[in-house]
């Protein structure tokens, strides 16, 4: 009885936490996306799409709370797939910006990236104690960790763009962010596949035991 109550209490905590980080990331996605277009910044656009990927990750993770291992693994696989698609989308956007050749507004880049950094530090702190949890909660924590690095990179890129009067630092940080997203999504997909395999083996073992 106590184990059941403890599990339900943990599930409730996870749901509340995921709703908080989902709303924070969702709002920041819209803020960064609009700012990226106004600033003509690939780095800020990459960061905004990373925020969107995180919002989707949190939404899927929220669905997976309290579910069985098989459903959690499938949810994590969806998480990884969505991140992979958005990461590839960032690479396409970078190519378009290079072709266009516009220089980004460093003022907008710096302020918006700084705001995003504050949001992600908050999310990271909230998710920290769940860093060793199931595949979906761990994926959520990894997203926040990666985002802080991406935000700091955009701030650095803004400074370098202004110093060199060149858009290339913005392109470079956008490529790095996209690479982090793709690499992270691949790790989630691998872990999700392993969890799904474990769920199938456990189900097969249970069926075999019941038949005997």
Protein backbone atom coordinates (compact mmCIF):
# COMPACT_ATOMS: atom_id res chain seq x y z
CA UNK A 1 0.00 0.00 0.00
CA UNK A 2 2.80 2.40 0.94
CA UNK A 3 4.68 1.56 -2.28
CA UNK A 4 1.56 2.30 -4.31
CA UNK A 5 1.01 5.62 -2.55
CA UNK A 6 4.70 6.51 -2.95
CA UNK A 7 4.59 5.76 -6.67
CA UNK A 8 1.43 7.82 -7.16
CA UNK A 9 2.92 10.73 -5.23
CA UNK A 10 6.04 10.61 -7.39
CA UNK A 11 3.92 10.47 -10.55
CA UNK A 12 1.96 13.51 -9.36
CA UNK A 13 5.19 15.41 -8.70
CA UNK A 14 6.52 14.50 -12.15
CA UNK A 15 3.31 15.68 -13.84
CA UNK A 16 3.33 19.04 -12.06
CA UNK A 17 7.01 19.53 -12.81
CA UNK A 18 6.62 18.61 -16.48
CA UNK A 19 3.68 21.00 -16.86
CA UNK A 20 5.80 23.82 -15.44
CA UNK A 21 8.79 23.23 -17.73
CA UNK A 22 6.49 22.60 -20.71
CA UNK A 23 4.80 26.00 -20.31
CA UNK A 24 8.12 27.80 -19.75
CA UNK A 25 9.68 26.26 -22.85
CA UNK A 26 6.55 26.76 -24.95
CA UNK A 27 6.44 30.49 -24.15
CA UNK A 28 10.18 30.88 -24.79
CA UNK A 29 9.88 29.12 -28.14
CA UNK A 30 7.44 31.77 -29.41
CA UNK A 31 9.54 34.61 -27.96
CA UNK A 32 12.78 33.28 -29.49
CA UNK A 33 11.19 32.35 -32.82
CA UNK A 34 9.80 35.85 -33.36
CA UNK A 35 13.04 37.45 -32.15
CA UNK A 36 15.08 35.22 -34.48
CA UNK A 37 13.15 36.43 -37.53
CA UNK A 38 13.47 40.05 -36.43
CA UNK A 39 17.18 39.65 -35.68
CA UNK A 40 17.96 37.51 -38.79
CA UNK A 41 19.80 35.13 -36.47
CA UNK A 42 20.38 31.46 -37.29
CA UNK A 43 21.70 30.83 -33.79
CA UNK A 44 18.59 32.25 -32.17
CA UNK A 45 16.38 30.36 -34.63
CA UNK A 46 18.22 27.12 -33.81
CA UNK A 47 17.76 27.83 -30.12
CA UNK A 48 14.03 28.51 -30.59
CA UNK A 49 13.52 25.24 -32.48
CA UNK A 50 15.47 23.51 -29.72
CA UNK A 51 12.94 25.01 -27.30
CA UNK A 52 10.12 23.65 -29.45
CA UNK A 53 11.75 20.21 -29.42
CA UNK A 54 11.96 20.39 -25.63
CA UNK A 55 8.31 21.42 -25.38
CA UNK A 56 7.35 18.36 -27.42
CA UNK A 57 9.64 16.19 -25.29
CA UNK A 58 7.99 17.41 -22.09
CA UNK A 59 4.52 16.86 -23.58
CA UNK A 60 5.33 13.26 -24.53
CA UNK A 61 7.04 12.68 -21.18
CA UNK A 62 3.93 14.01 -19.44
CA UNK A 63 1.86 11.45 -21.32
CA UNK A 64 4.28 8.68 -20.30
CA UNK A 65 4.13 9.38 -16.53
CA UNK A 66 2.73 6.35 -14.72
CA UNK A 67 2.58 4.26 -17.90
CA UNK A 68 4.18 0.84 -18.39
CA UNK A 69 7.73 0.32 -19.67
CA UNK A 70 6.56 -0.41 -23.22
CA UNK A 71 4.52 2.80 -23.53
CA UNK A 72 7.33 4.81 -21.94
CA UNK A 73 9.80 3.39 -24.46
CA UNK A 74 7.48 4.24 -27.37
CA UNK A 75 7.01 7.76 -26.00
CA UNK A 76 10.77 8.19 -25.73
CA UNK A 77 11.16 6.94 -29.31
CA UNK A 78 8.69 9.62 -30.42
CA UNK A 79 10.67 12.17 -28.40
CA UNK A 80 13.89 11.26 -30.16
CA UNK A 81 12.27 11.26 -33.59
CA UNK A 82 10.78 14.74 -33.11
CA UNK A 83 14.12 16.12 -31.95
CA UNK A 84 15.88 14.57 -34.93
CA UNK A 85 13.42 16.16 -37.38
CA UNK A 86 13.81 19.61 -35.79
CA UNK A 87 17.59 19.27 -35.73
CA UNK A 88 17.63 18.57 -39.46
CA UNK A 89 15.25 21.51 -39.96
CA UNK A 90 17.79 23.79 -38.26
CA UNK A 91 20.50 22.72 -40.73
CA UNK A 92 18.17 23.64 -43.61
CA UNK A 93 17.49 27.05 -42.04
CA UNK A 94 21.23 27.70 -41.64
CA UNK A 95 21.81 26.95 -45.34
CA UNK A 96 19.06 29.43 -46.25
CA UNK A 97 20.54 32.15 -44.01
CA UNK A 98 23.99 31.66 -45.53
CA UNK A 99 22.47 32.01 -49.00
CA UNK A 100 20.59 35.15 -47.91
CA UNK A 101 23.73 36.62 -46.35
CA UNK A 102 22.14 39.01 -43.81
CA UNK A 103 23.99 40.06 -40.64
CA UNK A 104 22.06 39.40 -37.41
CA UNK A 105 21.13 41.99 -34.78
CA UNK A 106 23.48 41.26 -31.88
CA UNK A 107 21.42 43.35 -29.44
CA UNK A 108 18.33 41.19 -29.88
CA UNK A 109 20.42 38.00 -29.91
CA UNK A 110 22.12 38.76 -26.61
CA UNK A 111 19.05 39.84 -24.65
CA UNK A 112 16.76 37.05 -25.84
CA UNK A 113 19.42 34.35 -25.39
CA UNK A 114 20.05 35.67 -21.87
CA UNK A 115 16.35 35.40 -21.06
CA UNK A 116 16.25 31.87 -22.48
CA UNK A 117 19.27 30.96 -20.35
CA UNK A 118 17.45 32.04 -17.18
CA UNK A 119 14.45 29.91 -18.15
CA UNK A 120 16.58 26.86 -18.88
CA UNK A 121 18.61 27.19 -15.68
CA UNK A 122 15.28 27.12 -13.81
CA UNK A 123 14.12 24.04 -15.74
CA UNK A 124 17.47 22.32 -15.16
CA UNK A 125 17.25 22.92 -11.42
CA UNK A 126 13.67 21.62 -11.28
CA UNK A 127 14.52 18.45 -13.24
CA UNK A 128 17.87 17.75 -11.58
CA UNK A 129 16.63 15.20 -9.04
CA UNK A 130 14.96 13.21 -11.84
CA UNK A 131 18.18 12.95 -13.90
CA UNK A 132 18.47 9.24 -13.08
CA UNK A 133 14.78 8.47 -13.55
CA UNK A 134 13.06 6.62 -16.40
CA UNK A 135 14.01 7.19 -20.02
CA UNK A 136 11.55 10.06 -20.53
CA UNK A 137 12.42 12.01 -17.37
CA UNK A 138 16.10 11.58 -18.14
CA UNK A 139 15.48 12.83 -21.70
CA UNK A 140 13.77 15.91 -20.22
CA UNK A 141 16.73 16.63 -17.96
CA UNK A 142 19.21 16.17 -20.82
CA UNK A 143 17.22 18.66 -22.90
CA UNK A 144 17.51 21.35 -20.23
CA UNK A 145 21.22 20.67 -19.79
CA UNK A 146 21.87 20.99 -23.52
CA UNK A 147 19.77 24.13 -23.74
CA UNK A 148 21.87 25.99 -21.19
CA UNK A 149 24.96 25.32 -23.29
CA UNK A 150 23.12 26.43 -26.44
CA UNK A 151 21.96 29.68 -24.80
CA UNK A 152 25.47 30.49 -23.62
CA UNK A 153 26.71 29.76 -27.15
CA UNK A 154 24.24 32.22 -28.70
CA UNK A 155 25.33 34.93 -26.25
CA UNK A 156 28.97 34.27 -27.17
CA UNK A 157 28.09 34.30 -30.88
CA UNK A 158 26.35 37.66 -30.49
CA UNK A 159 29.52 39.12 -29.03
CA UNK A 160 31.70 37.67 -31.80
CA UNK A 161 29.33 38.87 -34.55
CA UNK A 162 29.54 42.38 -33.16
CA UNK A 163 33.33 42.20 -32.70
CA UNK A 164 34.09 40.85 -36.19
CA UNK A 165 31.13 42.46 -38.00
CA UNK A 166 30.48 39.08 -39.59
CA UNK A 167 27.47 36.71 -39.47
CA UNK A 168 29.65 33.59 -39.46
CA UNK A 169 29.86 33.16 -35.65
CA UNK A 170 26.04 33.06 -35.73
CA UNK A 171 26.10 30.32 -38.40
CA UNK A 172 28.70 28.33 -36.49
CA UNK A 173 26.79 28.33 -33.19
CA UNK A 174 23.62 27.38 -35.06
CA UNK A 175 25.42 24.37 -36.56
CA UNK A 176 26.71 23.38 -33.10
CA UNK A 177 23.21 23.65 -31.57
CA UNK A 178 21.72 21.59 -34.41
CA UNK A 179 24.47 19.02 -33.94
CA UNK A 180 23.75 18.80 -30.20
CA UNK A 181 20.04 18.30 -30.90
CA UNK A 182 20.70 15.55 -33.47
CA UNK A 183 23.27 13.82 -31.25
CA UNK A 184 20.97 14.03 -28.21
CA UNK A 185 18.02 12.69 -30.20
CA UNK A 186 20.11 9.77 -31.40
CA UNK A 187 21.00 8.93 -27.78
CA UNK A 188 17.33 9.04 -26.78
CA UNK A 189 16.42 6.78 -29.72
CA UNK A 190 19.09 4.24 -28.74
CA UNK A 191 17.95 4.22 -25.10
CA UNK A 192 14.29 4.00 -26.16
CA UNK A 193 15.07 1.02 -28.39
CA UNK A 194 16.84 -0.72 -25.50
CA UNK A 195 13.90 -0.04 -23.17
CA UNK A 196 11.44 -1.34 -25.75
CA UNK A 197 13.50 -4.51 -26.18
CA UNK A 198 13.52 -4.96 -22.39
CA UNK A 199 9.74 -4.50 -22.26
CA UNK A 200 9.23 -7.12 -24.98
CA UNK A 201 11.52 -9.59 -23.19
CA UNK A 202 9.73 -9.03 -19.88
CA UNK A 203 6.36 -9.53 -21.55
CA UNK A 204 7.57 -12.72 -23.23
CA UNK A 205 8.96 -13.96 -19.92
CA UNK A 206 5.70 -13.26 -18.13
CA UNK A 207 3.71 -15.05 -20.83
CA UNK A 208 6.03 -18.04 -20.66
CA UNK A 209 5.72 -18.18 -16.85
CA UNK A 210 1.90 -18.03 -17.01
CA UNK A 211 1.79 -20.86 -19.54
CA UNK A 212 3.98 -23.06 -17.35
